[in-house]
Amino acid sequence: METIPKVDCQKIGYLQKPHGIKGEVVLQFEPEYEESLDEMPTLFLEIDGLLVPFFIQDEGLRFRSGESALVLFDWIDSEEQARKICGCSVYILKDDLILDNNELGLHMLVGYTLYDSEKGKIGPVVQVDDYAGNLILTVTYNKQEVLVPFSEDFLTRFDEDKKEMELQCPEGIFDL
């Protein structure tokens, strides 16, 4: 049996809890993936480290807000079955992402190599978080994770083909 590699997918959220007694679950997701989620008949749940496809029933997706939805999957038809999948991370294929063409999706920066205009190569971007509009890159540097603030004002080079970017990072950020 062939599995879906995680590198081909993007984590969009997680299953929070059951809703009702007919197998519905509450999906908490990042707002930037709402449009992609609306078009997906299949979501991938991380179970025992593997991505397993789960198919959404016809009319089985109801948005509650810009960050949560009620989902009813095929073959999940009781509260007990729904409870078993709660807590699972939810993924969709990167190829199926629908993004605003004017905006670089945050997930796209994961896997890029970060360079500092002073220090040179820093390391790979392993995570990108948005804290109230402040983008923070988690980068592996000297075998440690370093949080680097991201702003287009600091961007000095961006090479999409080589998956590299260079920032003029705040002084001393890598000396901690």
C-alpha atoms as a PDB file:
ATOM      1  CA  MET A   1       0.000   0.000   0.000  1.00  0.00           C
ATOM      2  CA  GLU A   2       1.338   3.421  -0.965  1.00  0.00           C
ATOM      3  CA  THR A   3       1.143   6.280   1.528  1.00  0.00           C
ATOM      4  CA  ILE A   4       0.975  10.025   0.932  1.00  0.00           C
ATOM      5  CA  PRO A   5       4.303  11.699   1.822  1.00  0.00           C
ATOM      6  CA  LYS A   6       3.923  14.531   4.346  1.00  0.00           C
ATOM      7  CA  VAL A   7       6.149  16.774   2.230  1.00  0.00           C
ATOM      8  CA  ASP A   8       3.421  16.740  -0.458  1.00  0.00           C
ATOM      9  CA  CYS A   9       0.804  17.933   2.038  1.00  0.00           C
ATOM     10  CA  GLN A  10       0.097  20.986   4.160  1.00  0.00           C
ATOM     11  CA  LYS A  11      -1.215  20.807   7.698  1.00  0.00           C
ATOM     12  CA  ILE A  12      -4.303  22.980   7.902  1.00  0.00           C
ATOM     13  CA  GLY A  13      -5.545  22.234  11.410  1.00  0.00           C
ATOM     14  CA  TYR A  14      -6.784  19.458  13.679  1.00  0.00           C
ATOM     15  CA  LEU A  15      -9.978  17.685  14.733  1.00  0.00           C
ATOM     16  CA  GLN A  16     -11.009  19.223  18.031  1.00  0.00           C
ATOM     17  CA  LYS A  17     -13.978  17.226  19.344  1.00  0.00           C
ATOM     18  CA  PRO A  18     -17.132  15.330  18.355  1.00  0.00           C
ATOM     19  CA  HIS A  19     -20.288  17.318  17.626  1.00  0.00           C
ATOM     20  CA  GLY A  20     -23.555  15.558  18.336  1.00  0.00           C
ATOM     21  CA  ILE A  21     -24.142  11.814  18.138  1.00  0.00           C
ATOM     22  CA  LYS A  22     -24.074  11.189  14.367  1.00  0.00           C
ATOM     23  CA  GLY A  23     -20.287  11.264  13.861  1.00  0.00           C
ATOM     24  CA  GLU A  24     -19.683  14.940  13.106  1.00  0.00           C
ATOM     25  CA  VAL A  25     -16.414  16.449  14.324  1.00  0.00           C
ATOM     26  CA  VAL A  26     -15.247  20.031  14.844  1.00  0.00           C
ATOM     27  CA  LEU A  27     -12.339  20.943  12.591  1.00  0.00           C
ATOM     28  CA  GLN A  28     -10.157  23.853  13.770  1.00  0.00           C
ATOM     29  CA  PHE A  29      -8.199  25.248  10.822  1.00  0.00           C
ATOM     30  CA  GLU A  30      -6.034  28.207   9.856  1.00  0.00           C
ATOM     31  CA  PRO A  31      -8.154  30.923   8.171  1.00  0.00           C
ATOM     32  CA  GLU A  32      -5.912  31.053   5.077  1.00  0.00           C
ATOM     33  CA  TYR A  33      -7.074  27.522   4.147  1.00  0.00           C
ATOM     34  CA  GLU A  34     -10.840  28.173   4.228  1.00  0.00           C
ATOM     35  CA  GLU A  35     -11.218  28.410   0.449  1.00  0.00           C
ATOM     36  CA  SER A  36      -9.064  25.308  -0.118  1.00  0.00           C
ATOM     37  CA  LEU A  37     -11.070  23.393   2.473  1.00  0.00           C
ATOM     38  CA  ASP A  38     -14.352  24.358   0.810  1.00  0.00           C
ATOM     39  CA  GLU A  39     -13.213  22.631  -2.403  1.00  0.00           C
ATOM     40  CA  MET A  40     -11.798  19.433  -0.827  1.00  0.00           C
ATOM     41  CA  PRO A  41     -13.740  16.166  -0.909  1.00  0.00           C
ATOM     42  CA  THR A  42     -10.804  14.430   0.834  1.00  0.00           C
ATOM     43  CA  LEU A  43      -8.811  15.328   3.918  1.00  0.00           C
ATOM     44  CA  PHE A  44      -5.815  13.437   5.218  1.00  0.00           C
ATOM     45  CA  LEU A  45      -5.681  12.632   8.934  1.00  0.00           C
ATOM     46  CA  GLU A  46      -2.384  11.861  10.620  1.00  0.00           C
ATOM     47  CA  ILE A  47      -2.817   8.522  12.352  1.00  0.00           C
ATOM     48  CA  ASP A  48       0.217   6.748  13.842  1.00  0.00           C
ATOM     49  CA  GLY A  49       2.520   9.032  11.839  1.00  0.00           C
ATOM     50  CA  LEU A  50       0.888   8.217   8.485  1.00  0.00           C
ATOM     51  CA  LEU A  51      -1.529  10.306   6.431  1.00  0.00           C
ATOM     52  CA  VAL A  52      -4.796   8.447   5.933  1.00  0.00           C
ATOM     53  CA  PRO A  53      -7.424   9.737   3.457  1.00  0.00           C
ATOM     54  CA  PHE A  54     -10.899  10.464   4.831  1.00  0.00           C
ATOM     55  CA  PHE A  55     -13.696  11.382   2.444  1.00  0.00           C
ATOM     56  CA  ILE A  56     -16.194  14.110   3.344  1.00  0.00           C
ATOM     57  CA  GLN A  57     -19.837  13.166   2.792  1.00  0.00           C
ATOM     58  CA  ASP A  58     -21.907  15.170   0.313  1.00  0.00           C
ATOM     59  CA  GLU A  59     -23.040  18.265   2.217  1.00  0.00           C
ATOM     60  CA  GLY A  60     -20.800  17.036   5.063  1.00  0.00           C
ATOM     61  CA  LEU A  61     -18.918  20.305   5.564  1.00  0.00           C
ATOM     62  CA  ARG A  62     -20.501  23.265   7.381  1.00  0.00           C
ATOM     63  CA  PHE A  63     -18.453  26.320   8.298  1.00  0.00           C
ATOM     64  CA  ARG A  64     -19.118  27.727  11.778  1.00  0.00           C
ATOM     65  CA  SER A  65     -16.594  30.560  11.517  1.00  0.00           C
ATOM     66  CA  GLY A  66     -13.489  31.507   9.552  1.00  0.00           C
ATOM     67  CA  GLU A  67     -11.528  29.063  11.695  1.00  0.00           C
ATOM     68  CA  SER A  68     -13.835  26.124  12.397  1.00  0.00           C
ATOM     69  CA  ALA A  69     -16.185  23.808  10.556  1.00  0.00           C
ATOM     70  CA  LEU A  70     -18.318  20.778  11.254  1.00  0.00           C
ATOM     71  CA  VAL A  71     -17.237  17.784   9.184  1.00  0.00           C
ATOM     72  CA  LEU A  72     -19.034  14.514   8.545  1.00  0.00           C
ATOM     73  CA  PHE A  73     -16.827  11.821   6.996  1.00  0.00           C
ATOM     74  CA  ASP A  74     -17.920   8.699   5.130  1.00  0.00           C
ATOM     75  CA  TRP A  75     -17.841   5.661   7.444  1.00  0.00           C
ATOM     76  CA  ILE A  76     -17.846   7.765  10.641  1.00  0.00           C
ATOM     77  CA  ASP A  77     -21.437   7.645  11.856  1.00  0.00           C
ATOM     78  CA  SER A  78     -21.370   7.619  15.649  1.00  0.00           C
ATOM     79  CA  GLU A  79     -20.026   9.743  18.474  1.00  0.00           C
ATOM     80  CA  GLU A  80     -17.775   6.848  19.524  1.00  0.00           C
ATOM     81  CA  GLN A  81     -16.145   6.619  16.059  1.00  0.00           C
ATOM     82  CA  ALA A  82     -15.796  10.417  15.910  1.00  0.00           C
ATOM     83  CA  ARG A  83     -14.101  10.455  19.309  1.00  0.00           C
ATOM     84  CA  LYS A  84     -11.409   8.049  17.999  1.00  0.00           C
ATOM     85  CA  ILE A  85     -10.231  10.529  15.334  1.00  0.00           C
ATOM     86  CA  CYS A  86     -10.344  13.643  17.525  1.00  0.00           C
ATOM     87  CA  GLY A  87      -6.957  15.186  18.140  1.00  0.00           C
ATOM     88  CA  CYS A  88      -5.684  14.094  14.706  1.00  0.00           C
ATOM     89  CA  SER A  89      -3.843  16.657  12.596  1.00  0.00           C
ATOM     90  CA  VAL A  90      -5.573  17.416   9.286  1.00  0.00           C
ATOM     91  CA  TYR A  91      -3.726  17.837   5.979  1.00  0.00           C
ATOM     92  CA  ILE A  92      -4.546  18.581   2.342  1.00  0.00           C
ATOM     93  CA  LEU A  93      -2.351  18.099  -0.713  1.00  0.00           C
ATOM     94  CA  LYS A  94      -0.184  21.147  -1.466  1.00  0.00           C
ATOM     95  CA  ASP A  95      -1.208  20.834  -5.117  1.00  0.00           C
ATOM     96  CA  ASP A  96      -4.839  21.380  -4.075  1.00  0.00           C
ATOM     97  CA  LEU A  97      -4.185  24.589  -2.102  1.00  0.00           C
ATOM     98  CA  ILE A  98      -6.051  27.645  -3.306  1.00  0.00           C
ATOM     99  CA  LEU A  99      -4.066  30.761  -2.490  1.00  0.00           C
ATOM    100  CA  ASP A 100      -4.445  34.415  -3.300  1.00  0.00           C
ATOM    101  CA  ASN A 101      -2.046  35.028  -6.207  1.00  0.00           C
ATOM    102  CA  ASN A 102      -0.991  38.349  -4.700  1.00  0.00           C
ATOM    103  CA  GLU A 103       0.094  36.760  -1.467  1.00  0.00           C
ATOM    104  CA  LEU A 104       2.783  34.194  -0.800  1.00  0.00           C
ATOM    105  CA  GLY A 105       1.261  31.466   1.344  1.00  0.00           C
ATOM    106  CA  LEU A 106       2.999  31.048   4.672  1.00  0.00           C
ATOM    107  CA  HIS A 107       3.369  27.308   4.182  1.00  0.00           C
ATOM    108  CA  MET A 108       5.420  27.945   1.040  1.00  0.00           C
ATOM    109  CA  LEU A 109       8.348  29.246   3.130  1.00  0.00           C
ATOM    110  CA  VAL A 110       8.751  25.953   5.006  1.00  0.00           C
ATOM    111  CA  GLY A 111      11.705  24.132   3.472  1.00  0.00           C
ATOM    112  CA  TYR A 112      13.397  27.292   2.233  1.00  0.00           C
ATOM    113  CA  THR A 113      16.983  27.875   3.313  1.00  0.00           C
ATOM    114  CA  LEU A 114      17.433  31.140   5.197  1.00  0.00           C
ATOM    115  CA  TYR A 115      20.497  33.302   4.676  1.00  0.00           C
ATOM    116  CA  ASP A 116      21.464  36.341   6.724  1.00  0.00           C
ATOM    117  CA  SER A 117      23.025  39.264   4.846  1.00  0.00           C
ATOM    118  CA  GLU A 118      25.838  39.361   7.483  1.00  0.00           C
ATOM    119  CA  LYS A 119      26.307  35.723   8.626  1.00  0.00           C
ATOM    120  CA  GLY A 120      25.534  33.903   5.367  1.00  0.00           C
ATOM    121  CA  LYS A 121      23.731  30.550   5.471  1.00  0.00           C
ATOM    122  CA  ILE A 122      21.621  30.076   8.602  1.00  0.00           C
ATOM    123  CA  GLY A 123      19.565  26.931   7.928  1.00  0.00           C
ATOM    124  CA  PRO A 124      16.198  25.536   6.896  1.00  0.00           C
ATOM    125  CA  VAL A 125      12.855  27.115   7.764  1.00  0.00           C
ATOM    126  CA  VAL A 126      10.938  24.409   9.637  1.00  0.00           C
ATOM    127  CA  GLN A 127       7.808  26.340  10.612  1.00  0.00           C
ATOM    128  CA  VAL A 128       6.069  29.650   9.967  1.00  0.00           C
ATOM    129  CA  ASP A 129       3.667  31.178  12.493  1.00  0.00           C
ATOM    130  CA  ASP A 130       1.497  34.258  12.329  1.00  0.00           C
ATOM    131  CA  TYR A 131       1.117  36.013  15.664  1.00  0.00           C
ATOM    132  CA  ALA A 132      -1.472  38.755  15.120  1.00  0.00           C
ATOM    133  CA  GLY A 133       0.056  39.735  11.795  1.00  0.00           C
ATOM    134  CA  ASN A 134       3.664  39.274  12.934  1.00  0.00           C
ATOM    135  CA  LEU A 135       5.298  36.478  10.960  1.00  0.00           C
ATOM    136  CA  ILE A 136       7.834  34.365  12.829  1.00  0.00           C
ATOM    137  CA  LEU A 137      10.087  31.846  11.062  1.00  0.00           C
ATOM    138  CA  THR A 138      11.355  28.882  13.072  1.00  0.00           C
ATOM    139  CA  VAL A 139      14.807  28.110  11.668  1.00  0.00           C
ATOM    140  CA  THR A 140      17.313  25.403  12.580  1.00  0.00           C
ATOM    141  CA  TYR A 141      20.680  27.079  13.287  1.00  0.00           C
ATOM    142  CA  ASN A 142      23.610  25.236  14.895  1.00  0.00           C
ATOM    143  CA  LYS A 143      21.279  22.339  15.830  1.00  0.00           C
ATOM    144  CA  GLN A 144      18.925  24.695  17.717  1.00  0.00           C
ATOM    145  CA  GLU A 145      15.627  26.299  16.792  1.00  0.00           C
ATOM    146  CA  VAL A 146      15.769  30.071  16.433  1.00  0.00           C
ATOM    147  CA  LEU A 147      12.715  32.310  16.033  1.00  0.00           C
ATOM    148  CA  VAL A 148      13.308  34.940  13.355  1.00  0.00           C
ATOM    149  CA  PRO A 149      10.854  37.788  12.713  1.00  0.00           C
ATOM    150  CA  PHE A 150       9.923  38.048   9.030  1.00  0.00           C
ATOM    151  CA  SER A 151       9.095  41.271   7.250  1.00  0.00           C
ATOM    152  CA  GLU A 152       9.279  42.093   3.568  1.00  0.00           C
ATOM    153  CA  ASP A 153      11.285  45.158   4.647  1.00  0.00           C
ATOM    154  CA  PHE A 154      14.078  42.787   5.818  1.00  0.00           C
ATOM    155  CA  LEU A 155      13.998  40.656   2.646  1.00  0.00           C
ATOM    156  CA  THR A 156      17.119  41.240   0.520  1.00  0.00           C
ATOM    157  CA  ARG A 157      16.937  38.204  -1.799  1.00  0.00           C
ATOM    158  CA  PHE A 158      14.299  35.624  -2.675  1.00  0.00           C
ATOM    159  CA  ASP A 159      14.978  32.749  -5.079  1.00  0.00           C
ATOM    160  CA  GLU A 160      11.909  30.587  -5.616  1.00  0.00           C
ATOM    161  CA  ASP A 161      13.752  28.108  -7.882  1.00  0.00           C
ATOM    162  CA  LYS A 162      16.539  27.419  -5.360  1.00  0.00           C
ATOM    163  CA  LYS A 163      14.132  27.741  -2.386  1.00  0.00           C
ATOM    164  CA  GLU A 164      16.398  30.310  -0.745  1.00  0.00           C
ATOM    165  CA  MET A 165      15.778  33.665   0.879  1.00  0.00           C
ATOM    166  CA  GLU A 166      18.046  36.195   2.477  1.00  0.00           C
ATOM    167  CA  LEU A 167      17.027  38.538   5.261  1.00  0.00           C
ATOM    168  CA  GLN A 168      18.744  41.396   6.977  1.00  0.00           C
ATOM    169  CA  CYS A 169      18.135  39.849  10.394  1.00  0.00           C
ATOM    170  CA  PRO A 170      18.130  41.822  13.637  1.00  0.00           C
ATOM    171  CA  GLU A 171      21.599  42.104  15.132  1.00  0.00           C
ATOM    172  CA  GLY A 172      22.462  39.464  17.730  1.00  0.00           C
ATOM    173  CA  ILE A 173      19.473  37.189  17.026  1.00  0.00           C
ATOM    174  CA  PHE A 174      21.721  34.184  16.320  1.00  0.00           C
ATOM    175  CA  ASP A 175      24.073  34.847  19.250  1.00  0.00           C
ATOM    176  CA  LEU A 176      21.666  33.709  21.967  1.00  0.00           C
END
